[in-house]
Amino acid sequence: YPSPTDIREAHYPDAVFLIVSFEDREHPYAKGYLIHKTDWRDPTGE
């Protein structure tokens, strides 16, 4: 899931942000997200 840093640094509004998680090293998984921001300099987003 996108961290606050991931959201702050998101500068491609139309790209899917794919996060590959290794919280369970034996069973990695990936999830995709769009990060919507009103302005790319905005540190927050939906």
ModelCIF file with pLDDT and N, C-alpha, C, O atoms, coordinates in Angstrom:
data_MODEL
#
_entry.id   MODEL 
#
_entity.id                         1 
_entity.type                       polymer 
_entity.pdbx_number_of_molecules   1 
#
_entity_poly.entity_id                      1 
_entity_poly.type                           'polypeptide(L)' 
_entity_poly.nstd_linkage                   no 
_entity_poly.nstd_monomer                   no 
_entity_poly.pdbx_seq_one_letter_code       YPSPTDIREAHYPDAVFLIVSFEDREHPYAKGYLIHKTDWRDPTGE 
_entity_poly.pdbx_seq_one_letter_code_can   YPSPTDIREAHYPDAVFLIVSFEDREHPYAKGYLIHKTDWRDPTGE 
_entity_poly.pdbx_strand_id                 A 
#
loop_
_entity_poly_seq.entity_id 
_entity_poly_seq.num 
_entity_poly_seq.mon_id 
_entity_poly_seq.hetero 
1 1  TYR n 
1 2  PRO n 
1 3  SER n 
1 4  PRO n 
1 5  THR n 
1 6  ASP n 
1 7  ILE n 
1 8  ARG n 
1 9  GLU n 
1 10 ALA n 
1 11 HIS n 
1 12 TYR n 
1 13 PRO n 
1 14 ASP n 
1 15 ALA n 
1 16 VAL n 
1 17 PHE n 
1 18 LEU n 
1 19 ILE n 
1 20 VAL n 
1 21 SER n 
1 22 PHE n 
1 23 GLU n 
1 24 ASP n 
1 25 ARG n 
1 26 GLU n 
1 27 HIS n 
1 28 PRO n 
1 29 TYR n 
1 30 ALA n 
1 31 LYS n 
1 32 GLY n 
1 33 TYR n 
1 34 LEU n 
1 35 ILE n 
1 36 HIS n 
1 37 LYS n 
1 38 THR n 
1 39 ASP n 
1 40 TRP n 
1 41 ARG n 
1 42 ASP n 
1 43 PRO n 
1 44 THR n 
1 45 GLY n 
1 46 GLU n 
#
_struct_asym.id          A 
_struct_asym.entity_id   1 
#
loop_
_ma_qa_metric.id 
_ma_qa_metric.mode 
_ma_qa_metric.name 
_ma_qa_metric.software_group_id 
_ma_qa_metric.type 
1 global pLDDT . pLDDT 
2 local  pLDDT . pLDDT 
#
_ma_qa_metric_global.metric_id      1 
_ma_qa_metric_global.metric_value   92.02 
_ma_qa_metric_global.model_id       1 
_ma_qa_metric_global.ordinal_id     1 
#
loop_
_ma_qa_metric_local.label_asym_id 
_ma_qa_metric_local.label_comp_id 
_ma_qa_metric_local.label_seq_id 
_ma_qa_metric_local.metric_id 
_ma_qa_metric_local.metric_value 
_ma_qa_metric_local.model_id 
_ma_qa_metric_local.ordinal_id 
A TYR 1  2 96.00 1 1  
A PRO 2  2 96.00 1 2  
A SER 3  2 94.00 1 3  
A PRO 4  2 93.00 1 4  
A THR 5  2 92.00 1 5  
A ASP 6  2 94.00 1 6  
A ILE 7  2 93.00 1 7  
A ARG 8  2 92.00 1 8  
A GLU 9  2 91.00 1 9  
A ALA 10 2 91.00 1 10 
A HIS 11 2 88.00 1 11 
A TYR 12 2 89.00 1 12 
A PRO 13 2 87.00 1 13 
A ASP 14 2 89.00 1 14 
A ALA 15 2 93.00 1 15 
A VAL 16 2 95.00 1 16 
A PHE 17 2 96.00 1 17 
A LEU 18 2 97.00 1 18 
A ILE 19 2 98.00 1 19 
A VAL 20 2 98.00 1 20 
A SER 21 2 97.00 1 21 
A PHE 22 2 97.00 1 22 
A GLU 23 2 95.00 1 23 
A ASP 24 2 93.00 1 24 
A ARG 25 2 89.00 1 25 
A GLU 26 2 91.00 1 26 
A HIS 27 2 94.00 1 27 
A PRO 28 2 95.00 1 28 
A TYR 29 2 96.00 1 29 
A ALA 30 2 96.00 1 30 
A LYS 31 2 97.00 1 31 
A GLY 32 2 97.00 1 32 
A TYR 33 2 96.00 1 33 
A LEU 34 2 95.00 1 34 
A ILE 35 2 95.00 1 35 
A HIS 36 2 93.00 1 36 
A LYS 37 2 91.00 1 37 
A THR 38 2 86.00 1 38 
A ASP 39 2 83.00 1 39 
A TRP 40 2 80.00 1 40 
A ARG 41 2 80.00 1 41 
A ASP 42 2 82.00 1 42 
A PRO 43 2 84.00 1 43 
A THR 44 2 87.00 1 44 
A GLY 45 2 89.00 1 45 
A GLU 46 2 93.00 1 46 
#
loop_
_atom_site.group_PDB 
_atom_site.id 
_atom_site.type_symbol 
_atom_site.label_atom_id 
_atom_site.label_alt_id 
_atom_site.label_comp_id 
_atom_site.label_asym_id 
_atom_site.label_entity_id 
_atom_site.label_seq_id 
_atom_site.pdbx_PDB_ins_code 
_atom_site.Cartn_x 
_atom_site.Cartn_y 
_atom_site.Cartn_z 
_atom_site.occupancy 
_atom_site.B_iso_or_equiv 
_atom_site.pdbx_formal_charge 
_atom_site.auth_seq_id 
_atom_site.auth_comp_id 
_atom_site.auth_asym_id 
_atom_site.auth_atom_id 
_atom_site.pdbx_PDB_model_num 
ATOM 1   N N  . TYR A 1 1  ? 0.868  -1.175  0.000   1.00 96.00 ? 1  TYR A N  1 
ATOM 2   C CA . TYR A 1 1  ? 0.000  0.000   0.000   1.00 96.00 ? 1  TYR A CA 1 
ATOM 3   C C  . TYR A 1 1  ? 0.908  1.228   0.000   1.00 96.00 ? 1  TYR A C  1 
ATOM 4   O O  . TYR A 1 1  ? 1.935  1.226   0.678   1.00 96.00 ? 1  TYR A O  1 
ATOM 5   N N  . PRO A 1 2  ? 0.551  2.277   -0.746  1.00 96.00 ? 2  PRO A N  1 
ATOM 6   C CA . PRO A 1 2  ? 1.426  3.452   -0.819  1.00 96.00 ? 2  PRO A CA 1 
ATOM 7   C C  . PRO A 1 2  ? 1.691  4.088   0.552   1.00 96.00 ? 2  PRO A C  1 
ATOM 8   O O  . PRO A 1 2  ? 0.766  4.377   1.311   1.00 96.00 ? 2  PRO A O  1 
ATOM 9   N N  . SER A 1 3  ? 2.958  4.291   0.837   1.00 94.00 ? 3  SER A N  1 
ATOM 10  C CA . SER A 1 3  ? 3.366  4.964   2.065   1.00 94.00 ? 3  SER A CA 1 
ATOM 11  C C  . SER A 1 3  ? 3.171  6.471   1.885   1.00 94.00 ? 3  SER A C  1 
ATOM 12  O O  . SER A 1 3  ? 2.961  6.933   0.763   1.00 94.00 ? 3  SER A O  1 
ATOM 13  N N  . PRO A 1 4  ? 3.237  7.241   2.970   1.00 93.00 ? 4  PRO A N  1 
ATOM 14  C CA . PRO A 1 4  ? 3.172  8.703   2.818   1.00 93.00 ? 4  PRO A CA 1 
ATOM 15  C C  . PRO A 1 4  ? 4.259  9.229   1.867   1.00 93.00 ? 4  PRO A C  1 
ATOM 16  O O  . PRO A 1 4  ? 4.020  10.181  1.124   1.00 93.00 ? 4  PRO A O  1 
ATOM 17  N N  . THR A 1 5  ? 5.440  8.619   1.888   1.00 92.00 ? 5  THR A N  1 
ATOM 18  C CA . THR A 1 5  ? 6.509  9.026   0.967   1.00 92.00 ? 5  THR A CA 1 
ATOM 19  C C  . THR A 1 5  ? 6.119  8.714   -0.470  1.00 92.00 ? 5  THR A C  1 
ATOM 20  O O  . THR A 1 5  ? 6.335  9.532   -1.364  1.00 92.00 ? 5  THR A O  1 
ATOM 21  N N  . ASP A 1 6  ? 5.544  7.529   -0.698  1.00 94.00 ? 6  ASP A N  1 
ATOM 22  C CA . ASP A 1 6  ? 5.098  7.161   -2.048  1.00 94.00 ? 6  ASP A CA 1 
ATOM 23  C C  . ASP A 1 6  ? 4.093  8.179   -2.574  1.00 94.00 ? 6  ASP A C  1 
ATOM 24  O O  . ASP A 1 6  ? 4.164  8.589   -3.732  1.00 94.00 ? 6  ASP A O  1 
ATOM 25  N N  . ILE A 1 7  ? 3.172  8.578   -1.732  1.00 93.00 ? 7  ILE A N  1 
ATOM 26  C CA . ILE A 1 7  ? 2.135  9.540   -2.137  1.00 93.00 ? 7  ILE A CA 1 
ATOM 27  C C  . ILE A 1 7  ? 2.757  10.909  -2.406  1.00 93.00 ? 7  ILE A C  1 
ATOM 28  O O  . ILE A 1 7  ? 2.446  11.553  -3.408  1.00 93.00 ? 7  ILE A O  1 
ATOM 29  N N  . ARG A 1 8  ? 3.636  11.348  -1.506  1.00 92.00 ? 8  ARG A N  1 
ATOM 30  C CA . ARG A 1 8  ? 4.285  12.654  -1.672  1.00 92.00 ? 8  ARG A CA 1 
ATOM 31  C C  . ARG A 1 8  ? 5.088  12.703  -2.971  1.00 92.00 ? 8  ARG A C  1 
ATOM 32  O O  . ARG A 1 8  ? 5.089  13.728  -3.652  1.00 92.00 ? 8  ARG A O  1 
ATOM 33  N N  . GLU A 1 9  ? 5.768  11.615  -3.323  1.00 91.00 ? 9  GLU A N  1 
ATOM 34  C CA . GLU A 1 9  ? 6.650  11.585  -4.490  1.00 91.00 ? 9  GLU A CA 1 
ATOM 35  C C  . GLU A 1 9  ? 5.953  11.187  -5.787  1.00 91.00 ? 9  GLU A C  1 
ATOM 36  O O  . GLU A 1 9  ? 6.605  11.096  -6.828  1.00 91.00 ? 9  GLU A O  1 
ATOM 37  N N  . ALA A 1 10 ? 4.650  10.950  -5.749  1.00 91.00 ? 10 ALA A N  1 
ATOM 38  C CA . ALA A 1 10 ? 3.907  10.530  -6.944  1.00 91.00 ? 10 ALA A CA 1 
ATOM 39  C C  . ALA A 1 10 ? 3.713  11.718  -7.881  1.00 91.00 ? 10 ALA A C  1 
ATOM 40  O O  . ALA A 1 10 ? 3.036  12.690  -7.546  1.00 91.00 ? 10 ALA A O  1 
ATOM 41  N N  . HIS A 1 11 ? 4.328  11.615  -9.075  1.00 88.00 ? 11 HIS A N  1 
ATOM 42  C CA . HIS A 1 11 ? 4.258  12.720  -10.037 1.00 88.00 ? 11 HIS A CA 1 
ATOM 43  C C  . HIS A 1 11 ? 3.688  12.309  -11.390 1.00 88.00 ? 11 HIS A C  1 
ATOM 44  O O  . HIS A 1 11 ? 3.733  13.091  -12.339 1.00 88.00 ? 11 HIS A O  1 
ATOM 45  N N  . TYR A 1 12 ? 3.156  11.098  -11.491 1.00 89.00 ? 12 TYR A N  1 
ATOM 46  C CA . TYR A 1 12 ? 2.581  10.614  -12.751 1.00 89.00 ? 12 TYR A CA 1 
ATOM 47  C C  . TYR A 1 12 ? 1.115  10.253  -12.507 1.00 89.00 ? 12 TYR A C  1 
ATOM 48  O O  . TYR A 1 12 ? 0.818  9.122   -12.123 1.00 89.00 ? 12 TYR A O  1 
ATOM 49  N N  . PRO A 1 13 ? 0.201  11.190  -12.722 1.00 87.00 ? 13 PRO A N  1 
ATOM 50  C CA . PRO A 1 13 ? -1.203 10.946  -12.360 1.00 87.00 ? 13 PRO A CA 1 
ATOM 51  C C  . PRO A 1 13 ? -1.889 9.836   -13.149 1.00 87.00 ? 13 PRO A C  1 
ATOM 52  O O  . PRO A 1 13 ? -2.872 9.265   -12.677 1.00 87.00 ? 13 PRO A O  1 
ATOM 53  N N  . ASP A 1 14 ? -1.389 9.521   -14.343 1.00 89.00 ? 14 ASP A N  1 
ATOM 54  C CA . ASP A 1 14 ? -2.044 8.500   -15.158 1.00 89.00 ? 14 ASP A CA 1 
ATOM 55  C C  . ASP A 1 14 ? -1.340 7.151   -15.107 1.00 89.00 ? 14 ASP A C  1 
ATOM 56  O O  . ASP A 1 14 ? -1.774 6.201   -15.759 1.00 89.00 ? 14 ASP A O  1 
ATOM 57  N N  . ALA A 1 15 ? -0.262 7.059   -14.341 1.00 93.00 ? 15 ALA A N  1 
ATOM 58  C CA . ALA A 1 15 ? 0.467  5.799   -14.217 1.00 93.00 ? 15 ALA A CA 1 
ATOM 59  C C  . ALA A 1 15 ? -0.047 5.027   -13.001 1.00 93.00 ? 15 ALA A C  1 
ATOM 60  O O  . ALA A 1 15 ? -0.393 5.605   -11.971 1.00 93.00 ? 15 ALA A O  1 
ATOM 61  N N  . VAL A 1 16 ? -0.084 3.712   -13.157 1.00 95.00 ? 16 VAL A N  1 
ATOM 62  C CA . VAL A 1 16 ? -0.417 2.853   -12.021 1.00 95.00 ? 16 VAL A CA 1 
ATOM 63  C C  . VAL A 1 16 ? 0.856  2.671   -11.202 1.00 95.00 ? 16 VAL A C  1 
ATOM 64  O O  . VAL A 1 16 ? 1.919  2.368   -11.745 1.00 95.00 ? 16 VAL A O  1 
ATOM 65  N N  . PHE A 1 17 ? 0.738  2.856   -9.908  1.00 96.00 ? 17 PHE A N  1 
ATOM 66  C CA . PHE A 1 17 ? 1.849  2.613   -8.997  1.00 96.00 ? 17 PHE A CA 1 
ATOM 67  C C  . PHE A 1 17 ? 1.693  1.189   -8.481  1.00 96.00 ? 17 PHE A C  1 
ATOM 68  O O  . PHE A 1 17 ? 0.791  0.894   -7.697  1.00 96.00 ? 17 PHE A O  1 
ATOM 69  N N  . LEU A 1 18 ? 2.580  0.313   -8.930  1.00 97.00 ? 18 LEU A N  1 
ATOM 70  C CA . LEU A 1 18 ? 2.543  -1.092  -8.551  1.00 97.00 ? 18 LEU A CA 1 
ATOM 71  C C  . LEU A 1 18 ? 3.527  -1.308  -7.410  1.00 97.00 ? 18 LEU A C  1 
ATOM 72  O O  . LEU A 1 18 ? 4.708  -0.977  -7.517  1.00 97.00 ? 18 LEU A O  1 
ATOM 73  N N  . ILE A 1 19 ? 3.021  -1.869  -6.317  1.00 98.00 ? 19 ILE A N  1 
ATOM 74  C CA . ILE A 1 19 ? 3.875  -2.141  -5.160  1.00 98.00 ? 19 ILE A CA 1 
ATOM 75  C C  . ILE A 1 19 ? 3.948  -3.649  -4.964  1.00 98.00 ? 19 ILE A C  1 
ATOM 76  O O  . ILE A 1 19 ? 2.935  -4.324  -4.779  1.00 98.00 ? 19 ILE A O  1 
ATOM 77  N N  . VAL A 1 20 ? 5.186  -4.161  -5.009  1.00 98.00 ? 20 VAL A N  1 
ATOM 78  C CA . VAL A 1 20 ? 5.429  -5.577  -4.762  1.00 98.00 ? 20 VAL A CA 1 
ATOM 79  C C  . VAL A 1 20 ? 5.818  -5.713  -3.296  1.00 98.00 ? 20 VAL A C  1 
ATOM 80  O O  . VAL A 1 20 ? 6.852  -5.203  -2.865  1.00 98.00 ? 20 VAL A O  1 
ATOM 81  N N  . SER A 1 21 ? 4.978  -6.404  -2.539  1.00 97.00 ? 21 SER A N  1 
ATOM 82  C CA . SER A 1 21 ? 5.197  -6.527  -1.097  1.00 97.00 ? 21 SER A CA 1 
ATOM 83  C C  . SER A 1 21 ? 5.873  -7.844  -0.747  1.00 97.00 ? 21 SER A C  1 
ATOM 84  O O  . SER A 1 21 ? 5.504  -8.911  -1.239  1.00 97.00 ? 21 SER A O  1 
ATOM 85  N N  . PHE A 1 22 ? 6.874  -7.734  0.119   1.00 97.00 ? 22 PHE A N  1 
ATOM 86  C CA . PHE A 1 22 ? 7.565  -8.904  0.654   1.00 97.00 ? 22 PHE A CA 1 
ATOM 87  C C  . PHE A 1 22 ? 7.362  -8.999  2.164   1.00 97.00 ? 22 PHE A C  1 
ATOM 88  O O  . PHE A 1 22 ? 8.225  -9.508  2.879   1.00 97.00 ? 22 PHE A O  1 
ATOM 89  N N  . GLU A 1 23 ? 6.200  -8.501  2.655   1.00 95.00 ? 23 GLU A N  1 
ATOM 90  C CA . GLU A 1 23 ? 5.944  -8.624  4.090   1.00 95.00 ? 23 GLU A CA 1 
ATOM 91  C C  . GLU A 1 23 ? 5.930  -10.096 4.474   1.00 95.00 ? 23 GLU A C  1 
ATOM 92  O O  . GLU A 1 23 ? 6.326  -10.441 5.587   1.00 95.00 ? 23 GLU A O  1 
ATOM 93  N N  . ASP A 1 24 ? 5.482  -10.972 3.577   1.00 93.00 ? 24 ASP A N  1 
ATOM 94  C CA . ASP A 1 24 ? 5.622  -12.417 3.727   1.00 93.00 ? 24 ASP A CA 1 
ATOM 95  C C  . ASP A 1 24 ? 6.561  -12.843 2.599   1.00 93.00 ? 24 ASP A C  1 
ATOM 96  O O  . ASP A 1 24 ? 6.137  -13.008 1.455   1.00 93.00 ? 24 ASP A O  1 
ATOM 97  N N  . ARG A 1 25 ? 7.832  -13.017 2.934   1.00 89.00 ? 25 ARG A N  1 
ATOM 98  C CA . ARG A 1 25 ? 8.879  -13.257 1.937   1.00 89.00 ? 25 ARG A CA 1 
ATOM 99  C C  . ARG A 1 25 ? 8.588  -14.466 1.053   1.00 89.00 ? 25 ARG A C  1 
ATOM 100 O O  . ARG A 1 25 ? 8.977  -14.487 -0.115  1.00 89.00 ? 25 ARG A O  1 
ATOM 101 N N  . GLU A 1 26 ? 7.912  -15.466 1.596   1.00 91.00 ? 26 GLU A N  1 
ATOM 102 C CA . GLU A 1 26 ? 7.607  -16.682 0.839   1.00 91.00 ? 26 GLU A CA 1 
ATOM 103 C C  . GLU A 1 26 ? 6.452  -16.487 -0.147  1.00 91.00 ? 26 GLU A C  1 
ATOM 104 O O  . GLU A 1 26 ? 6.305  -17.258 -1.095  1.00 91.00 ? 26 GLU A O  1 
ATOM 105 N N  . HIS A 1 27 ? 5.638  -15.457 0.081   1.00 94.00 ? 27 HIS A N  1 
ATOM 106 C CA . HIS A 1 27 ? 4.458  -15.220 -0.755  1.00 94.00 ? 27 HIS A CA 1 
ATOM 107 C C  . HIS A 1 27 ? 4.354  -13.736 -1.131  1.00 94.00 ? 27 HIS A C  1 
ATOM 108 O O  . HIS A 1 27 ? 3.455  -13.037 -0.664  1.00 94.00 ? 27 HIS A O  1 
ATOM 109 N N  . PRO A 1 28 ? 5.273  -13.261 -1.973  1.00 95.00 ? 28 PRO A N  1 
ATOM 110 C CA . PRO A 1 28 ? 5.170  -11.854 -2.385  1.00 95.00 ? 28 PRO A CA 1 
ATOM 111 C C  . PRO A 1 28 ? 3.890  -11.637 -3.205  1.00 95.00 ? 28 PRO A C  1 
ATOM 112 O O  . PRO A 1 28 ? 3.397  -12.548 -3.870  1.00 95.00 ? 28 PRO A O  1 
ATOM 113 N N  . TYR A 1 29 ? 3.380  -10.435 -3.141  1.00 96.00 ? 29 TYR A N  1 
ATOM 114 C CA . TYR A 1 29 ? 2.199  -10.091 -3.935  1.00 96.00 ? 29 TYR A CA 1 
ATOM 115 C C  . TYR A 1 29 ? 2.332  -8.648  -4.407  1.00 96.00 ? 29 TYR A C  1 
ATOM 116 O O  . TYR A 1 29 ? 3.115  -7.868  -3.864  1.00 96.00 ? 29 TYR A O  1 
ATOM 117 N N  . ALA A 1 30 ? 1.559  -8.315  -5.418  1.00 96.00 ? 30 ALA A N  1 
ATOM 118 C CA . ALA A 1 30 ? 1.592  -6.953  -5.955  1.00 96.00 ? 30 ALA A CA 1 
ATOM 119 C C  . ALA A 1 30 ? 0.191  -6.373  -5.984  1.00 96.00 ? 30 ALA A C  1 
ATOM 120 O O  . ALA A 1 30 ? -0.787 -7.072  -6.249  1.00 96.00 ? 30 ALA A O  1 
ATOM 121 N N  . LYS A 1 31 ? 0.117  -5.081  -5.706  1.00 97.00 ? 31 LYS A N  1 
ATOM 122 C CA . LYS A 1 31 ? -1.140 -4.344  -5.798  1.00 97.00 ? 31 LYS A CA 1 
ATOM 123 C C  . LYS A 1 31 ? -0.867 -3.053  -6.567  1.00 97.00 ? 31 LYS A C  1 
ATOM 124 O O  . LYS A 1 31 ? 0.225  -2.488  -6.499  1.00 97.00 ? 31 LYS A O  1 
ATOM 125 N N  . GLY A 1 32 ? -1.881 -2.604  -7.296  1.00 97.00 ? 32 GLY A N  1 
ATOM 126 C CA . GLY A 1 32 ? -1.735 -1.398  -8.097  1.00 97.00 ? 32 GLY A CA 1 
ATOM 127 C C  . GLY A 1 32 ? -2.646 -0.282  -7.619  1.00 97.00 ? 32 GLY A C  1 
ATOM 128 O O  . GLY A 1 32 ? -3.755 -0.523  -7.142  1.00 97.00 ? 32 GLY A O  1 
ATOM 129 N N  . TYR A 1 33 ? -2.159 0.942   -7.754  1.00 96.00 ? 33 TYR A N  1 
ATOM 130 C CA . TYR A 1 33 ? -2.906 2.108   -7.283  1.00 96.00 ? 33 TYR A CA 1 
ATOM 131 C C  . TYR A 1 33 ? -2.733 3.292   -8.230  1.00 96.00 ? 33 TYR A C  1 
ATOM 132 O O  . TYR A 1 33 ? -1.690 3.460   -8.861  1.00 96.00 ? 33 TYR A O  1 
ATOM 133 N N  . LEU A 1 34 ? -3.760 4.090   -8.310  1.00 95.00 ? 34 LEU A N  1 
ATOM 134 C CA . LEU A 1 34 ? -3.648 5.423   -8.885  1.00 95.00 ? 34 LEU A CA 1 
ATOM 135 C C  . LEU A 1 34 ? -3.555 6.375   -7.707  1.00 95.00 ? 34 LEU A C  1 
ATOM 136 O O  . LEU A 1 34 ? -4.208 6.168   -6.684  1.00 95.00 ? 34 LEU A O  1 
ATOM 137 N N  . ILE A 1 35 ? -2.759 7.400   -7.841  1.00 95.00 ? 35 ILE A N  1 
ATOM 138 C CA . ILE A 1 35 ? -2.640 8.401   -6.783  1.00 95.00 ? 35 ILE A CA 1 
ATOM 139 C C  . ILE A 1 35 ? -3.094 9.723   -7.376  1.00 95.00 ? 35 ILE A C  1 
ATOM 140 O O  . ILE A 1 35 ? -2.431 10.301  -8.237  1.00 95.00 ? 35 ILE A O  1 
ATOM 141 N N  . HIS A 1 36 ? -4.240 10.186  -6.894  1.00 93.00 ? 36 HIS A N  1 
ATOM 142 C CA . HIS A 1 36 ? -4.856 11.417  -7.406  1.00 93.00 ? 36 HIS A CA 1 
ATOM 143 C C  . HIS A 1 36 ? -4.428 12.590  -6.538  1.00 93.00 ? 36 HIS A C  1 
ATOM 144 O O  . HIS A 1 36 ? -4.550 12.557  -5.313  1.00 93.00 ? 36 HIS A O  1 
ATOM 145 N N  . LYS A 1 37 ? -3.922 13.633  -7.201  1.00 91.00 ? 37 LYS A N  1 
ATOM 146 C CA . LYS A 1 37 ? -3.486 14.842  -6.504  1.00 91.00 ? 37 LYS A CA 1 
ATOM 147 C C  . LYS A 1 37 ? -3.995 16.050  -7.277  1.00 91.00 ? 37 LYS A C  1 
ATOM 148 O O  . LYS A 1 37 ? -4.119 16.006  -8.501  1.00 91.00 ? 37 LYS A O  1 
ATOM 149 N N  . THR A 1 38 ? -4.285 17.119  -6.565  1.00 86.00 ? 38 THR A N  1 
ATOM 150 C CA . THR A 1 38 ? -4.718 18.335  -7.248  1.00 86.00 ? 38 THR A CA 1 
ATOM 151 C C  . THR A 1 38 ? -3.525 19.047  -7.878  1.00 86.00 ? 38 THR A C  1 
ATOM 152 O O  . THR A 1 38 ? -3.679 19.770  -8.862  1.00 86.00 ? 38 THR A O  1 
ATOM 153 N N  . ASP A 1 39 ? -2.349 18.846  -7.319  1.00 83.00 ? 39 ASP A N  1 
ATOM 154 C CA . ASP A 1 39 ? -1.126 19.470  -7.816  1.00 83.00 ? 39 ASP A CA 1 
ATOM 155 C C  . ASP A 1 39 ? 0.021  18.505  -7.521  1.00 83.00 ? 39 ASP A C  1 
ATOM 156 O O  . ASP A 1 39 ? 0.063  17.925  -6.435  1.00 83.00 ? 39 ASP A O  1 
ATOM 157 N N  . TRP A 1 40 ? 0.951  18.317  -8.457  1.00 80.00 ? 40 TRP A N  1 
ATOM 158 C CA . TRP A 1 40 ? 2.025  17.352  -8.237  1.00 80.00 ? 40 TRP A CA 1 
ATOM 159 C C  . TRP A 1 40 ? 2.899  17.706  -7.046  1.00 80.00 ? 40 TRP A C  1 
ATOM 160 O O  . TRP A 1 40 ? 3.585  16.835  -6.510  1.00 80.00 ? 40 TRP A O  1 
ATOM 161 N N  . ARG A 1 41 ? 2.891  18.980  -6.613  1.00 80.00 ? 41 ARG A N  1 
ATOM 162 C CA . ARG A 1 41 ? 3.681  19.378  -5.441  1.00 80.00 ? 41 ARG A CA 1 
ATOM 163 C C  . ARG A 1 41 ? 2.970  19.073  -4.133  1.00 80.00 ? 41 ARG A C  1 
ATOM 164 O O  . ARG A 1 41 ? 3.556  19.189  -3.057  1.00 80.00 ? 41 ARG A O  1 
ATOM 165 N N  . ASP A 1 42 ? 1.697  18.680  -4.231  1.00 82.00 ? 42 ASP A N  1 
ATOM 166 C CA . ASP A 1 42 ? 0.900  18.360  -3.049  1.00 82.00 ? 42 ASP A CA 1 
ATOM 167 C C  . ASP A 1 42 ? 1.456  17.098  -2.386  1.00 82.00 ? 42 ASP A C  1 
ATOM 168 O O  . ASP A 1 42 ? 1.604  16.071  -3.049  1.00 82.00 ? 42 ASP A O  1 
ATOM 169 N N  . PRO A 1 43 ? 1.770  17.158  -1.077  1.00 84.00 ? 43 PRO A N  1 
ATOM 170 C CA . PRO A 1 43 ? 2.325  15.983  -0.405  1.00 84.00 ? 43 PRO A CA 1 
ATOM 171 C C  . PRO A 1 43 ? 1.272  14.923  -0.067  1.00 84.00 ? 43 PRO A C  1 
ATOM 172 O O  . PRO A 1 43 ? 1.607  13.827  0.381   1.00 84.00 ? 43 PRO A O  1 
ATOM 173 N N  . THR A 1 44 ? 0.010  15.256  -0.282  1.00 87.00 ? 44 THR A N  1 
ATOM 174 C CA . THR A 1 44 ? -1.058 14.303  0.014   1.00 87.00 ? 44 THR A CA 1 
ATOM 175 C C  . THR A 1 44 ? -1.815 13.979  -1.263  1.00 87.00 ? 44 THR A C  1 
ATOM 176 O O  . THR A 1 44 ? -1.657 14.651  -2.282  1.00 87.00 ? 44 THR A O  1 
ATOM 177 N N  . GLY A 1 45 ? -2.620 12.965  -1.195  1.00 89.00 ? 45 GLY A N  1 
ATOM 178 C CA . GLY A 1 45 ? -3.409 12.593  -2.359  1.00 89.00 ? 45 GLY A CA 1 
ATOM 179 C C  . GLY A 1 45 ? -4.379 11.492  -2.006  1.00 89.00 ? 45 GLY A C  1 
ATOM 180 O O  . GLY A 1 45 ? -4.311 10.895  -0.932  1.00 89.00 ? 45 GLY A O  1 
ATOM 181 N N  . GLU A 1 46 ? -5.280 11.235  -2.929  1.00 93.00 ? 46 GLU A N  1 
ATOM 182 C CA . GLU A 1 46 ? -6.266 10.172  -2.747  1.00 93.00 ? 46 GLU A CA 1 
ATOM 183 C C  . GLU A 1 46 ? -5.747 8.919   -3.448  1.00 93.00 ? 46 GLU A C  1 
ATOM 184 O O  . GLU A 1 46 ? -6.412 7.883   -3.432  1.00 93.00 ? 46 GLU A O  1 
#
